[in-house]
Amino acid sequence: MPNQEMMRRTFSLMEEAGKKGNRPFGALLYNEKTGEIIGETGNRSTEESDPTAHAEVSVIRDYCKTHPGEKLEHLTLYSSCEPCAMCACAMVYAGVGELVYGMTLEDAVELFGPNITLSCSDVFASSFHRIKVTSGFLRDEARAKAAWMLEEFDIITHEATK
């Protein structure tokens, strides 16, 4: 059963990321057995000048630096938004056991502009590693938080290119 407190924590991480000029996304790794948050971060792409520093990739990188060679099958990754294809691939290679996310990619495109819309479920279905997925958990709350942040902070959105 997904944990509302963990999902709401990703919303706080969204806000922290947005205040730093990043697009507002947050993710954390949670150990269901111990009830412990193992790592957490917001999107760091703008502040680190690294287009791959999405919240999901960053929290996985941070964990793997301190736990080299360890698979993450015992951990749940909570994300404020459905992970993009890059983040979904990182989850597969890291061996994440479960994913719980709020907003969908369609919500993100509506709020932040065009993006790659290959769903994480499609990535997982094409992979060698199966990840349990809970989609749209507290979705309306996640969307409302993201929409509010777009009004409150100077957040970069994508423009369609021809």
N, C-alpha and C. Protein backbone atom coordinates (compact mmCIF):
# COMPACT_ATOMS: atom_id res chain seq x y z
N MET A 1 0.85 -1.19 0.00
CA MET A 1 0.00 0.00 0.00
C MET A 1 0.89 1.24 0.00
N PRO A 2 0.74 2.12 -1.00
CA PRO A 2 1.56 3.34 -1.05
C PRO A 2 1.36 4.21 0.20
N ASN A 3 2.40 4.94 0.52
CA ASN A 3 2.46 5.75 1.71
C ASN A 3 2.23 7.23 1.35
N GLN A 4 1.14 7.81 1.84
CA GLN A 4 0.82 9.21 1.53
C GLN A 4 1.88 10.17 2.04
N GLU A 5 2.43 9.88 3.21
CA GLU A 5 3.46 10.76 3.78
C GLU A 5 4.69 10.83 2.87
N MET A 6 5.07 9.69 2.30
CA MET A 6 6.24 9.66 1.40
C MET A 6 5.95 10.46 0.13
N MET A 7 4.76 10.27 -0.42
CA MET A 7 4.41 11.01 -1.64
C MET A 7 4.37 12.51 -1.36
N ARG A 8 3.81 12.89 -0.25
CA ARG A 8 3.76 14.33 0.08
C ARG A 8 5.16 14.89 0.32
N ARG A 9 6.06 14.06 0.78
CA ARG A 9 7.46 14.52 0.93
C ARG A 9 8.04 14.86 -0.43
N THR A 10 7.68 14.09 -1.47
CA THR A 10 8.17 14.43 -2.82
C THR A 10 7.63 15.79 -3.26
N PHE A 11 6.45 16.16 -2.79
CA PHE A 11 5.91 17.47 -3.13
C PHE A 11 6.75 18.58 -2.49
N SER A 12 7.23 18.35 -1.28
CA SER A 12 8.12 19.32 -0.64
C SER A 12 9.44 19.42 -1.40
N LEU A 13 9.93 18.28 -1.88
CA LEU A 13 11.16 18.27 -2.68
C LEU A 13 10.96 19.00 -4.00
N MET A 14 9.75 18.90 -4.57
CA MET A 14 9.40 19.67 -5.79
C MET A 14 9.59 21.16 -5.52
N GLU A 15 9.04 21.59 -4.40
CA GLU A 15 9.10 23.01 -4.06
C GLU A 15 10.54 23.47 -3.86
N GLU A 16 11.33 22.67 -3.16
CA GLU A 16 12.75 23.01 -2.96
C GLU A 16 13.47 23.14 -4.31
N ALA A 17 13.19 22.22 -5.23
CA ALA A 17 13.81 22.27 -6.56
C ALA A 17 13.38 23.54 -7.30
N GLY A 18 12.09 23.84 -7.26
CA GLY A 18 11.58 25.02 -7.94
C GLY A 18 12.16 26.32 -7.40
N LYS A 19 12.34 26.40 -6.10
CA LYS A 19 12.92 27.60 -5.49
C LYS A 19 14.36 27.84 -5.96
N LYS A 20 15.03 26.76 -6.39
CA LYS A 20 16.41 26.86 -6.88
C LYS A 20 16.46 27.05 -8.39
N GLY A 21 15.29 27.25 -9.02
CA GLY A 21 15.25 27.49 -10.46
C GLY A 21 15.16 26.24 -11.31
N ASN A 22 15.04 25.08 -10.67
CA ASN A 22 14.88 23.83 -11.40
C ASN A 22 13.41 23.58 -11.71
N ARG A 23 13.15 22.73 -12.69
CA ARG A 23 11.78 22.30 -12.90
C ARG A 23 11.36 21.49 -11.68
N PRO A 24 10.13 21.68 -11.21
CA PRO A 24 9.73 21.13 -9.91
C PRO A 24 9.35 19.65 -9.94
N PHE A 25 10.33 18.82 -9.65
CA PHE A 25 10.10 17.39 -9.51
C PHE A 25 10.89 16.92 -8.30
N GLY A 26 10.34 15.94 -7.59
CA GLY A 26 11.02 15.40 -6.43
C GLY A 26 10.93 13.89 -6.40
N ALA A 27 11.92 13.25 -5.81
CA ALA A 27 11.92 11.79 -5.69
C ALA A 27 12.64 11.37 -4.42
N LEU A 28 12.24 10.21 -3.90
CA LEU A 28 12.92 9.66 -2.75
C LEU A 28 12.92 8.14 -2.84
N LEU A 29 13.88 7.54 -2.16
CA LEU A 29 13.97 6.09 -2.02
C LEU A 29 13.54 5.75 -0.61
N TYR A 30 12.64 4.78 -0.51
CA TYR A 30 12.03 4.43 0.77
C TYR A 30 12.14 2.93 1.00
N ASN A 31 12.54 2.56 2.21
CA ASN A 31 12.60 1.16 2.60
C ASN A 31 11.33 0.84 3.39
N GLU A 32 10.41 0.11 2.77
CA GLU A 32 9.13 -0.22 3.40
C GLU A 32 9.33 -1.02 4.70
N LYS A 33 10.31 -1.90 4.72
CA LYS A 33 10.52 -2.77 5.89
C LYS A 33 10.96 -1.99 7.11
N THR A 34 11.83 -1.02 6.92
CA THR A 34 12.34 -0.25 8.06
C THR A 34 11.59 1.06 8.26
N GLY A 35 10.79 1.48 7.26
CA GLY A 35 10.09 2.75 7.35
C GLY A 35 11.02 3.94 7.21
N GLU A 36 12.15 3.72 6.57
CA GLU A 36 13.20 4.73 6.49
C GLU A 36 13.33 5.32 5.09
N ILE A 37 13.46 6.65 5.03
CA ILE A 37 13.82 7.30 3.77
C ILE A 37 15.32 7.12 3.60
N ILE A 38 15.72 6.49 2.50
CA ILE A 38 17.12 6.16 2.26
C ILE A 38 17.84 7.31 1.56
N GLY A 39 17.12 8.05 0.76
CA GLY A 39 17.68 9.20 0.05
C GLY A 39 16.55 10.00 -0.56
N GLU A 40 16.81 11.28 -0.78
CA GLU A 40 15.79 12.15 -1.37
C GLU A 40 16.44 13.33 -2.03
N THR A 41 15.78 13.83 -3.07
CA THR A 41 16.28 15.03 -3.75
C THR A 41 15.21 15.56 -4.69
N GLY A 42 15.40 16.79 -5.07
CA GLY A 42 14.59 17.37 -6.13
C GLY A 42 15.37 17.35 -7.42
N ASN A 43 14.74 17.77 -8.48
CA ASN A 43 15.42 17.92 -9.77
C ASN A 43 16.57 18.91 -9.58
N ARG A 44 17.75 18.58 -10.12
CA ARG A 44 18.92 19.44 -9.96
C ARG A 44 19.51 19.86 -11.31
N SER A 45 18.76 19.67 -12.38
CA SER A 45 19.27 19.90 -13.74
C SER A 45 19.80 21.32 -13.95
N THR A 46 19.06 22.31 -13.52
CA THR A 46 19.47 23.70 -13.73
C THR A 46 20.63 24.08 -12.82
N GLU A 47 20.50 23.78 -11.53
CA GLU A 47 21.55 24.19 -10.59
C GLU A 47 22.88 23.47 -10.84
N GLU A 48 22.84 22.26 -11.41
CA GLU A 48 24.07 21.53 -11.70
C GLU A 48 24.48 21.63 -13.17
N SER A 49 23.70 22.36 -13.95
CA SER A 49 23.95 22.46 -15.40
C SER A 49 24.13 21.07 -16.01
N ASP A 50 23.26 20.16 -15.61
CA ASP A 50 23.31 18.77 -16.05
C ASP A 50 21.91 18.33 -16.44
N PRO A 51 21.65 18.19 -17.73
CA PRO A 51 20.30 17.82 -18.17
C PRO A 51 19.87 16.43 -17.72
N THR A 52 20.79 15.62 -17.22
CA THR A 52 20.43 14.28 -16.74
C THR A 52 20.19 14.25 -15.23
N ALA A 53 20.30 15.37 -14.54
CA ALA A 53 20.16 15.40 -13.08
C ALA A 53 18.69 15.50 -12.66
N HIS A 54 17.85 14.69 -13.29
CA HIS A 54 16.45 14.60 -12.87
C HIS A 54 16.41 14.03 -11.46
N ALA A 55 15.32 14.26 -10.76
CA ALA A 55 15.22 13.83 -9.36
C ALA A 55 15.43 12.32 -9.22
N GLU A 56 14.81 11.53 -10.09
CA GLU A 56 14.90 10.07 -9.97
C GLU A 56 16.33 9.58 -10.22
N VAL A 57 16.96 10.08 -11.26
CA VAL A 57 18.34 9.69 -11.56
C VAL A 57 19.26 10.15 -10.43
N SER A 58 19.07 11.35 -9.95
CA SER A 58 19.93 11.89 -8.89
C SER A 58 19.83 11.10 -7.60
N VAL A 59 18.62 10.72 -7.20
CA VAL A 59 18.49 9.97 -5.94
C VAL A 59 19.11 8.58 -6.08
N ILE A 60 19.00 7.98 -7.27
CA ILE A 60 19.63 6.68 -7.53
C ILE A 60 21.16 6.84 -7.51
N ARG A 61 21.68 7.87 -8.18
CA ARG A 61 23.13 8.10 -8.18
C ARG A 61 23.67 8.28 -6.77
N ASP A 62 22.97 9.12 -6.00
CA ASP A 62 23.42 9.39 -4.63
C ASP A 62 23.48 8.11 -3.81
N TYR A 63 22.46 7.27 -3.94
CA TYR A 63 22.42 6.01 -3.19
C TYR A 63 23.55 5.08 -3.63
N CYS A 64 23.71 4.96 -4.93
CA CYS A 64 24.71 4.02 -5.46
C CYS A 64 26.14 4.42 -5.11
N LYS A 65 26.38 5.71 -4.92
CA LYS A 65 27.72 6.17 -4.52
C LYS A 65 28.11 5.62 -3.15
N THR A 66 27.13 5.45 -2.28
CA THR A 66 27.41 4.98 -0.93
C THR A 66 27.13 3.49 -0.76
N HIS A 67 26.54 2.87 -1.78
CA HIS A 67 26.22 1.44 -1.74
C HIS A 67 26.63 0.80 -3.07
N PRO A 68 27.92 0.84 -3.41
CA PRO A 68 28.36 0.35 -4.73
C PRO A 68 28.00 -1.12 -4.96
N GLY A 69 27.47 -1.38 -6.15
CA GLY A 69 27.14 -2.74 -6.56
C GLY A 69 25.85 -3.30 -5.99
N GLU A 70 25.20 -2.56 -5.11
CA GLU A 70 23.97 -3.04 -4.49
C GLU A 70 22.77 -2.74 -5.38
N LYS A 71 21.93 -3.73 -5.61
CA LYS A 71 20.68 -3.52 -6.34
C LYS A 71 19.64 -2.90 -5.40
N LEU A 72 18.67 -2.24 -5.97
CA LEU A 72 17.69 -1.51 -5.18
C LEU A 72 16.34 -2.21 -5.13
N GLU A 73 16.31 -3.54 -5.33
CA GLU A 73 15.03 -4.25 -5.40
C GLU A 73 14.24 -4.20 -4.10
N HIS A 74 14.89 -3.92 -3.00
CA HIS A 74 14.21 -3.82 -1.71
C HIS A 74 13.68 -2.42 -1.42
N LEU A 75 13.86 -1.50 -2.37
CA LEU A 75 13.45 -0.11 -2.15
C LEU A 75 12.31 0.30 -3.08
N THR A 76 11.53 1.26 -2.60
CA THR A 76 10.47 1.87 -3.39
C THR A 76 10.91 3.28 -3.74
N LEU A 77 10.80 3.63 -5.01
CA LEU A 77 11.09 4.99 -5.44
C LEU A 77 9.77 5.73 -5.55
N TYR A 78 9.63 6.80 -4.78
CA TYR A 78 8.46 7.69 -4.85
C TYR A 78 8.86 8.88 -5.70
N SER A 79 8.01 9.25 -6.64
CA SER A 79 8.29 10.38 -7.51
C SER A 79 7.03 11.24 -7.65
N SER A 80 7.23 12.54 -7.63
CA SER A 80 6.09 13.45 -7.76
C SER A 80 5.43 13.33 -9.13
N CYS A 81 6.17 12.83 -10.11
CA CYS A 81 5.68 12.71 -11.48
C CYS A 81 6.16 11.40 -12.09
N GLU A 82 5.43 10.92 -13.06
CA GLU A 82 5.85 9.72 -13.78
C GLU A 82 7.25 9.94 -14.34
N PRO A 83 8.16 9.03 -14.08
CA PRO A 83 9.52 9.18 -14.58
C PRO A 83 9.57 9.18 -16.11
N CYS A 84 10.45 10.01 -16.65
CA CYS A 84 10.67 10.03 -18.09
C CYS A 84 11.39 8.74 -18.50
N ALA A 85 11.56 8.55 -19.79
CA ALA A 85 12.20 7.33 -20.30
C ALA A 85 13.62 7.17 -19.75
N MET A 86 14.37 8.26 -19.66
CA MET A 86 15.74 8.19 -19.13
C MET A 86 15.72 7.70 -17.68
N CYS A 87 14.85 8.28 -16.88
CA CYS A 87 14.77 7.91 -15.47
C CYS A 87 14.26 6.48 -15.30
N ALA A 88 13.31 6.09 -16.15
CA ALA A 88 12.80 4.72 -16.10
C ALA A 88 13.91 3.72 -16.42
N CYS A 89 14.74 4.03 -17.40
CA CYS A 89 15.87 3.15 -17.73
C CYS A 89 16.84 3.07 -16.56
N ALA A 90 17.11 4.19 -15.90
CA ALA A 90 18.00 4.19 -14.74
C ALA A 90 17.43 3.30 -13.64
N MET A 91 16.12 3.34 -13.46
CA MET A 91 15.48 2.49 -12.45
C MET A 91 15.65 1.01 -12.78
N VAL A 92 15.52 0.68 -14.06
CA VAL A 92 15.72 -0.72 -14.50
C VAL A 92 17.14 -1.16 -14.19
N TYR A 93 18.13 -0.38 -14.63
CA TYR A 93 19.52 -0.76 -14.45
C TYR A 93 19.93 -0.79 -12.98
N ALA A 94 19.30 0.04 -12.15
CA ALA A 94 19.60 0.03 -10.72
C ALA A 94 18.86 -1.09 -9.99
N GLY A 95 17.86 -1.66 -10.63
CA GLY A 95 17.11 -2.76 -10.02
C GLY A 95 16.09 -2.32 -8.98
N VAL A 96 15.53 -1.12 -9.13
CA VAL A 96 14.50 -0.63 -8.20
C VAL A 96 13.34 -1.63 -8.17
N GLY A 97 12.82 -1.90 -6.98
CA GLY A 97 11.76 -2.89 -6.83
C GLY A 97 10.37 -2.36 -7.10
N GLU A 98 10.12 -1.11 -6.72
CA GLU A 98 8.77 -0.57 -6.84
C GLU A 98 8.84 0.93 -7.12
N LEU A 99 7.85 1.41 -7.87
CA LEU A 99 7.70 2.82 -8.19
C LEU A 99 6.30 3.27 -7.83
N VAL A 100 6.22 4.42 -7.17
CA VAL A 100 4.94 5.07 -6.89
C VAL A 100 5.08 6.50 -7.38
N TYR A 101 4.18 6.93 -8.28
CA TYR A 101 4.27 8.31 -8.77
C TYR A 101 2.92 9.00 -8.78
N GLY A 102 2.99 10.35 -8.77
CA GLY A 102 1.79 11.19 -8.74
C GLY A 102 1.32 11.59 -10.12
N MET A 103 1.82 12.72 -10.62
CA MET A 103 1.40 13.22 -11.94
C MET A 103 1.82 12.25 -13.03
N THR A 104 1.08 12.28 -14.13
CA THR A 104 1.44 11.49 -15.31
C THR A 104 2.31 12.34 -16.24
N LEU A 105 2.91 11.69 -17.21
CA LEU A 105 3.66 12.44 -18.23
C LEU A 105 2.76 13.42 -18.96
N GLU A 106 1.51 13.03 -19.20
CA GLU A 106 0.56 13.93 -19.86
C GLU A 106 0.32 15.18 -19.03
N ASP A 107 0.22 15.02 -17.71
CA ASP A 107 0.08 16.17 -16.82
C ASP A 107 1.30 17.08 -16.94
N ALA A 108 2.48 16.49 -16.95
CA ALA A 108 3.72 17.26 -17.03
C ALA A 108 3.79 18.04 -18.34
N VAL A 109 3.41 17.41 -19.44
CA VAL A 109 3.42 18.10 -20.75
C VAL A 109 2.43 19.26 -20.72
N GLU A 110 1.27 19.03 -20.16
CA GLU A 110 0.27 20.09 -20.08
C GLU A 110 0.78 21.28 -19.26
N LEU A 111 1.48 21.00 -18.17
CA LEU A 111 1.97 22.06 -17.29
C LEU A 111 3.28 22.69 -17.75
N PHE A 112 4.22 21.87 -18.23
CA PHE A 112 5.58 22.34 -18.47
C PHE A 112 5.98 22.38 -19.94
N GLY A 113 5.12 21.92 -20.83
CA GLY A 113 5.44 21.95 -22.25
C GLY A 113 5.92 20.62 -22.79
N PRO A 114 6.21 20.58 -24.08
CA PRO A 114 6.56 19.33 -24.77
C PRO A 114 7.72 18.59 -24.13
N ASN A 115 7.63 17.27 -24.23
CA ASN A 115 8.68 16.41 -23.69
C ASN A 115 8.56 15.05 -24.36
N ILE A 116 9.48 14.16 -24.10
CA ILE A 116 9.38 12.79 -24.59
C ILE A 116 8.30 12.10 -23.77
N THR A 117 7.32 11.53 -24.43
CA THR A 117 6.19 10.95 -23.71
C THR A 117 6.13 9.43 -23.78
N LEU A 118 7.28 8.79 -23.82
CA LEU A 118 7.34 7.34 -23.72
C LEU A 118 7.12 7.00 -22.25
N SER A 119 6.04 6.29 -21.96
CA SER A 119 5.69 6.03 -20.56
C SER A 119 6.70 5.10 -19.90
N CYS A 120 6.82 5.25 -18.60
CA CYS A 120 7.72 4.37 -17.85
C CYS A 120 7.22 2.93 -17.93
N SER A 121 5.93 2.73 -17.99
CA SER A 121 5.38 1.37 -18.10
C SER A 121 5.83 0.71 -19.39
N ASP A 122 5.90 1.48 -20.48
CA ASP A 122 6.39 0.93 -21.75
C ASP A 122 7.87 0.57 -21.65
N VAL A 123 8.65 1.41 -20.99
CA VAL A 123 10.07 1.11 -20.79
C VAL A 123 10.21 -0.16 -19.96
N PHE A 124 9.47 -0.25 -18.85
CA PHE A 124 9.56 -1.42 -17.98
C PHE A 124 9.13 -2.70 -18.70
N ALA A 125 8.08 -2.60 -19.51
CA ALA A 125 7.57 -3.76 -20.24
C ALA A 125 8.59 -4.29 -21.25
N SER A 126 9.47 -3.41 -21.71
CA SER A 126 10.48 -3.79 -22.70
C SER A 126 11.80 -4.19 -22.07
N SER A 127 11.85 -4.25 -20.75
CA SER A 127 13.13 -4.47 -20.07
C SER A 127 13.23 -5.88 -19.49
N PHE A 128 14.41 -6.16 -18.98
CA PHE A 128 14.71 -7.44 -18.34
C PHE A 128 14.33 -7.45 -16.87
N HIS A 129 13.95 -6.29 -16.32
CA HIS A 129 13.65 -6.17 -14.89
C HIS A 129 12.23 -5.66 -14.72
N ARG A 130 11.45 -6.33 -13.93
CA ARG A 130 10.07 -5.92 -13.68
C ARG A 130 10.00 -5.08 -12.42
N ILE A 131 9.32 -3.96 -12.54
CA ILE A 131 9.15 -3.04 -11.43
C ILE A 131 7.65 -2.91 -11.16
N LYS A 132 7.27 -3.09 -9.92
CA LYS A 132 5.87 -2.89 -9.53
C LYS A 132 5.58 -1.39 -9.59
N VAL A 133 4.46 -1.01 -10.23
CA VAL A 133 4.15 0.40 -10.44
C VAL A 133 2.77 0.75 -9.88
N THR A 134 2.73 1.83 -9.10
CA THR A 134 1.48 2.45 -8.68
C THR A 134 1.46 3.82 -9.31
N SER A 135 0.53 4.03 -10.23
CA SER A 135 0.48 5.30 -10.98
C SER A 135 -0.63 6.20 -10.47
N GLY A 136 -0.42 7.49 -10.61
CA GLY A 136 -1.44 8.48 -10.27
C GLY A 136 -1.77 8.57 -8.79
N PHE A 137 -0.84 8.20 -7.92
CA PHE A 137 -1.08 8.26 -6.48
C PHE A 137 -1.03 9.73 -6.03
N LEU A 138 -2.11 10.22 -5.46
CA LEU A 138 -2.27 11.63 -5.06
C LEU A 138 -2.05 12.55 -6.27
N ARG A 139 -2.48 12.11 -7.43
CA ARG A 139 -2.26 12.84 -8.69
C ARG A 139 -2.79 14.27 -8.64
N ASP A 140 -4.02 14.45 -8.19
CA ASP A 140 -4.61 15.79 -8.18
C ASP A 140 -3.82 16.74 -7.28
N GLU A 141 -3.36 16.23 -6.17
CA GLU A 141 -2.55 17.03 -5.25
C GLU A 141 -1.21 17.41 -5.89
N ALA A 142 -0.60 16.46 -6.58
CA ALA A 142 0.67 16.72 -7.27
C ALA A 142 0.49 17.77 -8.36
N ARG A 143 -0.56 17.63 -9.16
CA ARG A 143 -0.83 18.61 -10.22
C ARG A 143 -1.06 20.00 -9.65
N ALA A 144 -1.85 20.07 -8.59
CA ALA A 144 -2.16 21.37 -7.97
C ALA A 144 -0.88 22.03 -7.44
N LYS A 145 -0.01 21.24 -6.82
CA LYS A 145 1.25 21.78 -6.30
C LYS A 145 2.13 22.29 -7.44
N ALA A 146 2.23 21.52 -8.52
CA ALA A 146 3.04 21.93 -9.67
C ALA A 146 2.47 23.18 -10.32
N ALA A 147 1.17 23.25 -10.48
CA ALA A 147 0.53 24.42 -11.09
C ALA A 147 0.76 25.67 -10.23
N TRP A 148 0.65 25.53 -8.92
CA TRP A 148 0.90 26.65 -8.01
C TRP A 148 2.34 27.12 -8.14
N MET A 149 3.26 26.17 -8.24
CA MET A 149 4.67 26.52 -8.33
C MET A 149 4.98 27.28 -9.61
N LEU A 150 4.32 26.93 -10.70
CA LEU A 150 4.53 27.66 -11.96
C LEU A 150 4.16 29.13 -11.81
N GLU A 151 3.16 29.40 -10.99
CA GLU A 151 2.75 30.79 -10.74
C GLU A 151 3.69 31.50 -9.77
N GLU A 152 4.23 30.78 -8.81
CA GLU A 152 5.04 31.37 -7.74
C GLU A 152 6.51 31.57 -8.08
N PHE A 153 7.07 30.68 -8.90
CA PHE A 153 8.51 30.70 -9.13
C PHE A 153 8.82 30.86 -10.61
N ASP A 154 10.03 31.29 -10.88
CA ASP A 154 10.50 31.43 -12.26
C ASP A 154 11.02 30.07 -12.73
N ILE A 155 10.10 29.26 -13.23
CA ILE A 155 10.43 27.89 -13.62
C ILE A 155 10.48 27.80 -15.15
N ILE A 156 11.54 27.18 -15.64
CA ILE A 156 11.73 27.04 -17.08
C ILE A 156 10.78 25.97 -17.61
N THR A 157 10.06 26.31 -18.66
CA THR A 157 9.22 25.34 -19.35
C THR A 157 9.77 25.13 -20.74
N HIS A 158 9.40 24.02 -21.35
CA HIS A 158 9.89 23.70 -22.68
C HIS A 158 8.99 24.32 -23.74
N GLU A 159 9.58 24.76 -24.82
CA GLU A 159 8.84 25.25 -25.97
C GLU A 159 9.00 24.22 -27.08
N ALA A 160 7.97 24.04 -27.85
CA ALA A 160 8.06 23.11 -28.99
C ALA A 160 9.00 23.68 -30.04
N THR A 161 9.81 22.83 -30.64
CA THR A 161 10.70 23.25 -31.72
C THR A 161 10.23 22.63 -33.02
N LYS A 162 10.53 23.31 -34.11
CA LYS A 162 10.09 22.80 -35.41
C LYS A 162 11.21 22.14 -36.14
